[in-house]
């Protein structure tokens, strides 16, 4: 057995990801993770109080791989419409690339995220918040005319779900998907520029 004192949360999460890849979310257990690490399951429980806590932490880390790089786009320089287009393209591109490069792992993590409702809710709040930042910058610069950037951010995320939500994964190989996305985003940006009726 390896030295449990060298055990870190990150090392457990790395191993948990491999165990999930091997067994899938339904069959993977804390004991499987402990065995793969060469430690007792009690050592894993010292870092994560339950199987649910470990599962949620793995889901949060996976979802953060999607959302964390997007903050640079959301807060970066340039006109808000251009940043919005880039942000949505990056989100869609990241999800589609993950599904294409490792479909089995993508399916496992999608199942895991579905079981971790809190992690998913937080992830969606982070994404909508980043979109809200872009919209707010656009309002400040006179590029957009919406009364509530937070509402607009959530609406943008929902309106583009076909291009990034795993539930629509079957659509991601359709010919013309990129053209469809471009048309939807152009329509949304036009809507953000329209001044609301008094």
C-alpha atoms as a PDB file:
ATOM      1  CA  UNK A   1       0.000   0.000   0.000  1.00  0.00           C
ATOM      2  CA  UNK A   2       1.147   3.516  -0.756  1.00  0.00           C
ATOM      3  CA  UNK A   3       1.666   6.074   1.954  1.00  0.00           C
ATOM      4  CA  UNK A   4      -1.756   7.572   2.747  1.00  0.00           C
ATOM      5  CA  UNK A   5      -0.071  10.705   4.118  1.00  0.00           C
ATOM      6  CA  UNK A   6       0.907  11.614   0.528  1.00  0.00           C
ATOM      7  CA  UNK A   7      -2.702  11.386  -0.536  1.00  0.00           C
ATOM      8  CA  UNK A   8      -4.197  14.663  -1.773  1.00  0.00           C
ATOM      9  CA  UNK A   9      -7.668  15.602  -2.955  1.00  0.00           C
ATOM     10  CA  UNK A  10      -6.318  16.201  -6.473  1.00  0.00           C
ATOM     11  CA  UNK A  11      -4.687  12.780  -6.579  1.00  0.00           C
ATOM     12  CA  UNK A  12      -7.956  11.167  -5.461  1.00  0.00           C
ATOM     13  CA  UNK A  13      -9.889  13.085  -8.116  1.00  0.00           C
ATOM     14  CA  UNK A  14      -7.398  12.079 -10.831  1.00  0.00           C
ATOM     15  CA  UNK A  15      -7.797   8.448  -9.855  1.00  0.00           C
ATOM     16  CA  UNK A  16     -11.574   8.749  -9.531  1.00  0.00           C
ATOM     17  CA  UNK A  17     -11.713   9.987 -13.123  1.00  0.00           C
ATOM     18  CA  UNK A  18      -9.813   6.905 -14.294  1.00  0.00           C
ATOM     19  CA  UNK A  19     -12.074   4.630 -12.259  1.00  0.00           C
ATOM     20  CA  UNK A  20     -15.132   6.306 -13.761  1.00  0.00           C
ATOM     21  CA  UNK A  21     -13.702   5.801 -17.219  1.00  0.00           C
ATOM     22  CA  UNK A  22     -13.200   2.098 -16.477  1.00  0.00           C
ATOM     23  CA  UNK A  23     -16.443   1.274 -14.658  1.00  0.00           C
ATOM     24  CA  UNK A  24     -18.869   4.104 -15.416  1.00  0.00           C
ATOM     25  CA  UNK A  25     -20.692   6.237 -12.833  1.00  0.00           C
ATOM     26  CA  UNK A  26     -23.241   3.550 -11.918  1.00  0.00           C
ATOM     27  CA  UNK A  27     -20.648   0.915 -10.959  1.00  0.00           C
ATOM     28  CA  UNK A  28     -17.665   2.944  -9.733  1.00  0.00           C
ATOM     29  CA  UNK A  29     -17.273   2.910  -5.949  1.00  0.00           C
ATOM     30  CA  UNK A  30     -15.104   4.620  -3.366  1.00  0.00           C
ATOM     31  CA  UNK A  31     -13.539   1.212  -2.719  1.00  0.00           C
ATOM     32  CA  UNK A  32     -12.532   1.014  -6.409  1.00  0.00           C
ATOM     33  CA  UNK A  33     -10.856   4.425  -6.104  1.00  0.00           C
ATOM     34  CA  UNK A  34      -9.083   3.402  -2.896  1.00  0.00           C
ATOM     35  CA  UNK A  35      -7.837   0.173  -4.480  1.00  0.00           C
ATOM     36  CA  UNK A  36      -6.512   2.039  -7.498  1.00  0.00           C
ATOM     37  CA  UNK A  37      -4.656   4.386  -5.144  1.00  0.00           C
ATOM     38  CA  UNK A  38      -3.382   1.540  -2.978  1.00  0.00           C
ATOM     39  CA  UNK A  39      -4.935   2.994   0.187  1.00  0.00           C
ATOM     40  CA  UNK A  40      -7.834   2.130   2.470  1.00  0.00           C
ATOM     41  CA  UNK A  41     -11.247   3.544   1.649  1.00  0.00           C
ATOM     42  CA  UNK A  42     -11.036   5.375   4.990  1.00  0.00           C
ATOM     43  CA  UNK A  43      -8.146   7.398   3.578  1.00  0.00           C
ATOM     44  CA  UNK A  44     -10.371   8.549   0.718  1.00  0.00           C
ATOM     45  CA  UNK A  45     -13.180   9.382   3.156  1.00  0.00           C
ATOM     46  CA  UNK A  46     -10.809  11.676   5.070  1.00  0.00           C
ATOM     47  CA  UNK A  47     -10.829  13.925   1.984  1.00  0.00           C
ATOM     48  CA  UNK A  48     -14.391  13.281   0.774  1.00  0.00           C
ATOM     49  CA  UNK A  49     -17.033  12.479   3.368  1.00  0.00           C
ATOM     50  CA  UNK A  50     -19.152  10.269   1.112  1.00  0.00           C
ATOM     51  CA  UNK A  51     -19.435   8.740  -2.325  1.00  0.00           C
ATOM     52  CA  UNK A  52     -21.771  11.603  -3.219  1.00  0.00           C
ATOM     53  CA  UNK A  53     -19.195  14.195  -2.135  1.00  0.00           C
ATOM     54  CA  UNK A  54     -16.515  12.503  -4.242  1.00  0.00           C
ATOM     55  CA  UNK A  55     -18.861  12.210  -7.218  1.00  0.00           C
ATOM     56  CA  UNK A  56     -19.838  15.883  -6.927  1.00  0.00           C
ATOM     57  CA  UNK A  57     -16.191  16.970  -6.699  1.00  0.00           C
ATOM     58  CA  UNK A  58     -15.316  15.008  -9.843  1.00  0.00           C
ATOM     59  CA  UNK A  59     -18.294  16.542 -11.671  1.00  0.00           C
ATOM     60  CA  UNK A  60     -17.376  20.053 -10.502  1.00  0.00           C
ATOM     61  CA  UNK A  61     -13.809  19.639 -11.692  1.00  0.00           C
ATOM     62  CA  UNK A  62     -14.919  18.359 -15.082  1.00  0.00           C
ATOM     63  CA  UNK A  63     -17.408  21.200 -15.521  1.00  0.00           C
ATOM     64  CA  UNK A  64     -14.756  23.733 -14.455  1.00  0.00           C
ATOM     65  CA  UNK A  65     -12.584  22.552 -17.365  1.00  0.00           C
ATOM     66  CA  UNK A  66     -15.307  23.961 -19.585  1.00  0.00           C
ATOM     67  CA  UNK A  67     -16.141  27.172 -17.739  1.00  0.00           C
ATOM     68  CA  UNK A  68     -12.760  28.358 -16.425  1.00  0.00           C
ATOM     69  CA  UNK A  69     -11.110  29.134 -19.804  1.00  0.00           C
ATOM     70  CA  UNK A  70     -14.220  31.064 -20.869  1.00  0.00           C
ATOM     71  CA  UNK A  71     -13.726  33.745 -18.211  1.00  0.00           C
ATOM     72  CA  UNK A  72     -10.804  35.108 -20.231  1.00  0.00           C
ATOM     73  CA  UNK A  73     -13.127  35.624 -23.193  1.00  0.00           C
ATOM     74  CA  UNK A  74     -15.880  37.112 -21.019  1.00  0.00           C
ATOM     75  CA  UNK A  75     -13.568  39.638 -19.374  1.00  0.00           C
ATOM     76  CA  UNK A  76     -11.189  40.195 -22.268  1.00  0.00           C
ATOM     77  CA  UNK A  77     -10.826  43.238 -24.497  1.00  0.00           C
ATOM     78  CA  UNK A  78     -12.860  44.052 -27.552  1.00  0.00           C
ATOM     79  CA  UNK A  79     -16.440  44.869 -28.461  1.00  0.00           C
ATOM     80  CA  UNK A  80     -19.105  42.916 -26.591  1.00  0.00           C
ATOM     81  CA  UNK A  81     -20.747  41.456 -29.739  1.00  0.00           C
ATOM     82  CA  UNK A  82     -17.419  39.998 -30.880  1.00  0.00           C
ATOM     83  CA  UNK A  83     -16.673  38.594 -27.398  1.00  0.00           C
ATOM     84  CA  UNK A  84     -20.165  37.108 -27.208  1.00  0.00           C
ATOM     85  CA  UNK A  85     -19.702  35.331 -30.541  1.00  0.00           C
ATOM     86  CA  UNK A  86     -16.295  34.039 -29.456  1.00  0.00           C
ATOM     87  CA  UNK A  87     -17.553  32.910 -26.029  1.00  0.00           C
ATOM     88  CA  UNK A  88     -20.419  30.921 -27.524  1.00  0.00           C
ATOM     89  CA  UNK A  89     -18.140  29.425 -30.190  1.00  0.00           C
ATOM     90  CA  UNK A  90     -15.609  28.403 -27.508  1.00  0.00           C
ATOM     91  CA  UNK A  91     -18.289  26.803 -25.318  1.00  0.00           C
ATOM     92  CA  UNK A  92     -19.764  24.874 -28.224  1.00  0.00           C
ATOM     93  CA  UNK A  93     -16.362  23.943 -29.616  1.00  0.00           C
ATOM     94  CA  UNK A  94     -15.076  22.698 -26.256  1.00  0.00           C
ATOM     95  CA  UNK A  95     -18.098  20.472 -25.615  1.00  0.00           C
ATOM     96  CA  UNK A  96     -18.107  19.108 -29.156  1.00  0.00           C
ATOM     97  CA  UNK A  97     -14.359  18.438 -29.053  1.00  0.00           C
ATOM     98  CA  UNK A  98     -14.636  16.610 -25.731  1.00  0.00           C
ATOM     99  CA  UNK A  99     -17.452  14.451 -27.096  1.00  0.00           C
ATOM    100  CA  UNK A 100     -15.555  13.706 -30.308  1.00  0.00           C
ATOM    101  CA  UNK A 101     -12.127  12.983 -28.798  1.00  0.00           C
ATOM    102  CA  UNK A 102     -13.277  10.744 -25.948  1.00  0.00           C
ATOM    103  CA  UNK A 103     -16.963   9.860 -26.380  1.00  0.00           C
ATOM    104  CA  UNK A 104     -16.967   7.219 -23.655  1.00  0.00           C
ATOM    105  CA  UNK A 105     -15.501   9.576 -21.057  1.00  0.00           C
ATOM    106  CA  UNK A 106     -17.832  12.357 -22.208  1.00  0.00           C
ATOM    107  CA  UNK A 107     -20.854  10.080 -21.721  1.00  0.00           C
ATOM    108  CA  UNK A 108     -19.608   9.015 -18.291  1.00  0.00           C
ATOM    109  CA  UNK A 109     -19.090  12.589 -17.172  1.00  0.00           C
ATOM    110  CA  UNK A 110     -22.459  13.650 -18.575  1.00  0.00           C
ATOM    111  CA  UNK A 111     -24.113  10.884 -16.530  1.00  0.00           C
ATOM    112  CA  UNK A 112     -22.102  11.899 -13.487  1.00  0.00           C
ATOM    113  CA  UNK A 113     -23.008  15.565 -13.893  1.00  0.00           C
ATOM    114  CA  UNK A 114     -26.671  14.632 -14.239  1.00  0.00           C
ATOM    115  CA  UNK A 115     -26.446  12.877 -10.862  1.00  0.00           C
ATOM    116  CA  UNK A 116     -24.735  15.939  -9.336  1.00  0.00           C
ATOM    117  CA  UNK A 117     -27.552  18.461  -9.584  1.00  0.00           C
ATOM    118  CA  UNK A 118     -25.806  21.012  -7.379  1.00  0.00           C
ATOM    119  CA  UNK A 119     -22.661  20.916  -9.510  1.00  0.00           C
ATOM    120  CA  UNK A 120     -24.677  21.390 -12.684  1.00  0.00           C
ATOM    121  CA  UNK A 121     -26.716  24.254 -11.199  1.00  0.00           C
ATOM    122  CA  UNK A 122     -23.518  26.009 -10.122  1.00  0.00           C
ATOM    123  CA  UNK A 123     -21.961  25.420 -13.561  1.00  0.00           C
ATOM    124  CA  UNK A 124     -24.976  26.937 -15.316  1.00  0.00           C
ATOM    125  CA  UNK A 125     -24.890  29.933 -12.965  1.00  0.00           C
ATOM    126  CA  UNK A 126     -21.201  30.460 -13.754  1.00  0.00           C
ATOM    127  CA  UNK A 127     -21.828  30.290 -17.507  1.00  0.00           C
ATOM    128  CA  UNK A 128     -24.846  32.601 -17.351  1.00  0.00           C
ATOM    129  CA  UNK A 129     -22.843  34.970 -15.144  1.00  0.00           C
ATOM    130  CA  UNK A 130     -20.045  35.152 -17.695  1.00  0.00           C
ATOM    131  CA  UNK A 131     -22.553  35.929 -20.427  1.00  0.00           C
ATOM    132  CA  UNK A 132     -24.089  38.589 -18.183  1.00  0.00           C
ATOM    133  CA  UNK A 133     -20.677  40.235 -17.830  1.00  0.00           C
ATOM    134  CA  UNK A 134     -20.357  40.487 -21.609  1.00  0.00           C
ATOM    135  CA  UNK A 135     -23.878  41.878 -21.952  1.00  0.00           C
ATOM    136  CA  UNK A 136     -23.302  44.402 -19.157  1.00  0.00           C
ATOM    137  CA  UNK A 137     -20.113  45.584 -20.866  1.00  0.00           C
ATOM    138  CA  UNK A 138     -22.098  45.926 -24.088  1.00  0.00           C
ATOM    139  CA  UNK A 139     -24.770  47.993 -22.346  1.00  0.00           C
ATOM    140  CA  UNK A 140     -22.113  50.247 -20.805  1.00  0.00           C
ATOM    141  CA  UNK A 141     -20.471  50.727 -24.209  1.00  0.00           C
ATOM    142  CA  UNK A 142     -23.808  51.446 -25.908  1.00  0.00           C
ATOM    143  CA  UNK A 143     -23.534  48.260 -28.018  1.00  0.00           C
ATOM    144  CA  UNK A 144     -26.496  46.530 -26.368  1.00  0.00           C
ATOM    145  CA  UNK A 145     -29.763  47.894 -25.022  1.00  0.00           C
ATOM    146  CA  UNK A 146     -31.222  45.494 -22.461  1.00  0.00           C
ATOM    147  CA  UNK A 147     -32.675  46.392 -19.067  1.00  0.00           C
ATOM    148  CA  UNK A 148     -31.239  43.416 -17.161  1.00  0.00           C
ATOM    149  CA  UNK A 149     -27.935  41.827 -18.253  1.00  0.00           C
ATOM    150  CA  UNK A 150     -28.411  38.931 -15.811  1.00  0.00           C
ATOM    151  CA  UNK A 151     -31.731  37.954 -17.406  1.00  0.00           C
ATOM    152  CA  UNK A 152     -30.172  38.351 -20.854  1.00  0.00           C
ATOM    153  CA  UNK A 153     -27.211  36.137 -19.860  1.00  0.00           C
ATOM    154  CA  UNK A 154     -29.493  33.304 -18.765  1.00  0.00           C
ATOM    155  CA  UNK A 155     -31.612  33.686 -21.898  1.00  0.00           C
ATOM    156  CA  UNK A 156     -28.539  33.541 -24.161  1.00  0.00           C
ATOM    157  CA  UNK A 157     -27.400  30.317 -22.518  1.00  0.00           C
ATOM    158  CA  UNK A 158     -30.835  28.736 -22.890  1.00  0.00           C
ATOM    159  CA  UNK A 159     -31.322  29.954 -26.462  1.00  0.00           C
ATOM    160  CA  UNK A 160     -28.056  28.359 -27.614  1.00  0.00           C
ATOM    161  CA  UNK A 161     -28.447  25.048 -25.731  1.00  0.00           C
ATOM    162  CA  UNK A 162     -28.631  23.021 -28.953  1.00  0.00           C
ATOM    163  CA  UNK A 163     -25.019  23.908 -29.661  1.00  0.00           C
ATOM    164  CA  UNK A 164     -23.497  23.089 -26.255  1.00  0.00           C
ATOM    165  CA  UNK A 165     -25.822  21.097 -23.996  1.00  0.00           C
ATOM    166  CA  UNK A 166     -24.934  17.369 -23.926  1.00  0.00           C
ATOM    167  CA  UNK A 167     -28.615  16.465 -24.310  1.00  0.00           C
ATOM    168  CA  UNK A 168     -28.265  17.684 -27.922  1.00  0.00           C
ATOM    169  CA  UNK A 169     -25.097  15.725 -28.622  1.00  0.00           C
ATOM    170  CA  UNK A 170     -26.799  13.752 -31.404  1.00  0.00           C
ATOM    171  CA  UNK A 171     -27.219  17.028 -33.331  1.00  0.00           C
ATOM    172  CA  UNK A 172     -23.546  17.985 -33.148  1.00  0.00           C
ATOM    173  CA  UNK A 173     -22.534  16.038 -36.261  1.00  0.00           C
ATOM    174  CA  UNK A 174     -25.309  17.421 -38.429  1.00  0.00           C
ATOM    175  CA  UNK A 175     -24.138  19.192 -41.587  1.00  0.00           C
ATOM    176  CA  UNK A 176     -24.778  22.899 -41.373  1.00  0.00           C
ATOM    177  CA  UNK A 177     -24.712  23.019 -37.563  1.00  0.00           C
ATOM    178  CA  UNK A 178     -22.108  25.793 -37.573  1.00  0.00           C
ATOM    179  CA  UNK A 179     -24.208  27.798 -40.045  1.00  0.00           C
ATOM    180  CA  UNK A 180     -27.248  27.294 -37.815  1.00  0.00           C
ATOM    181  CA  UNK A 181     -25.300  28.495 -34.812  1.00  0.00           C
ATOM    182  CA  UNK A 182     -24.033  31.544 -36.650  1.00  0.00           C
ATOM    183  CA  UNK A 183     -27.594  32.442 -37.671  1.00  0.00           C
ATOM    184  CA  UNK A 184     -28.931  32.003 -34.134  1.00  0.00           C
ATOM    185  CA  UNK A 185     -26.127  34.062 -32.591  1.00  0.00           C
ATOM    186  CA  UNK A 186     -26.600  36.842 -35.161  1.00  0.00           C
ATOM    187  CA  UNK A 187     -30.298  36.940 -34.349  1.00  0.00           C
ATOM    188  CA  UNK A 188     -29.589  37.065 -30.610  1.00  0.00           C
ATOM    189  CA  UNK A 189     -27.062  39.877 -31.007  1.00  0.00           C
ATOM    190  CA  UNK A 190     -29.556  41.854 -33.108  1.00  0.00           C
ATOM    191  CA  UNK A 191     -32.084  41.357 -30.314  1.00  0.00           C
ATOM    192  CA  UNK A 192     -29.634  42.628 -27.712  1.00  0.00           C
ATOM    193  CA  UNK A 193     -29.106  45.777 -29.779  1.00  0.00           C
ATOM    194  CA  UNK A 194     -32.820  46.541 -30.063  1.00  0.00           C
ATOM    195  CA  UNK A 195     -34.072  49.102 -27.633  1.00  0.00           C
ATOM    196  CA  UNK A 196     -36.993  47.767 -25.591  1.00  0.00           C
ATOM    197  CA  UNK A 197     -40.390  49.313 -26.208  1.00  0.00           C
ATOM    198  CA  UNK A 198     -41.356  51.977 -23.645  1.00  0.00           C
END
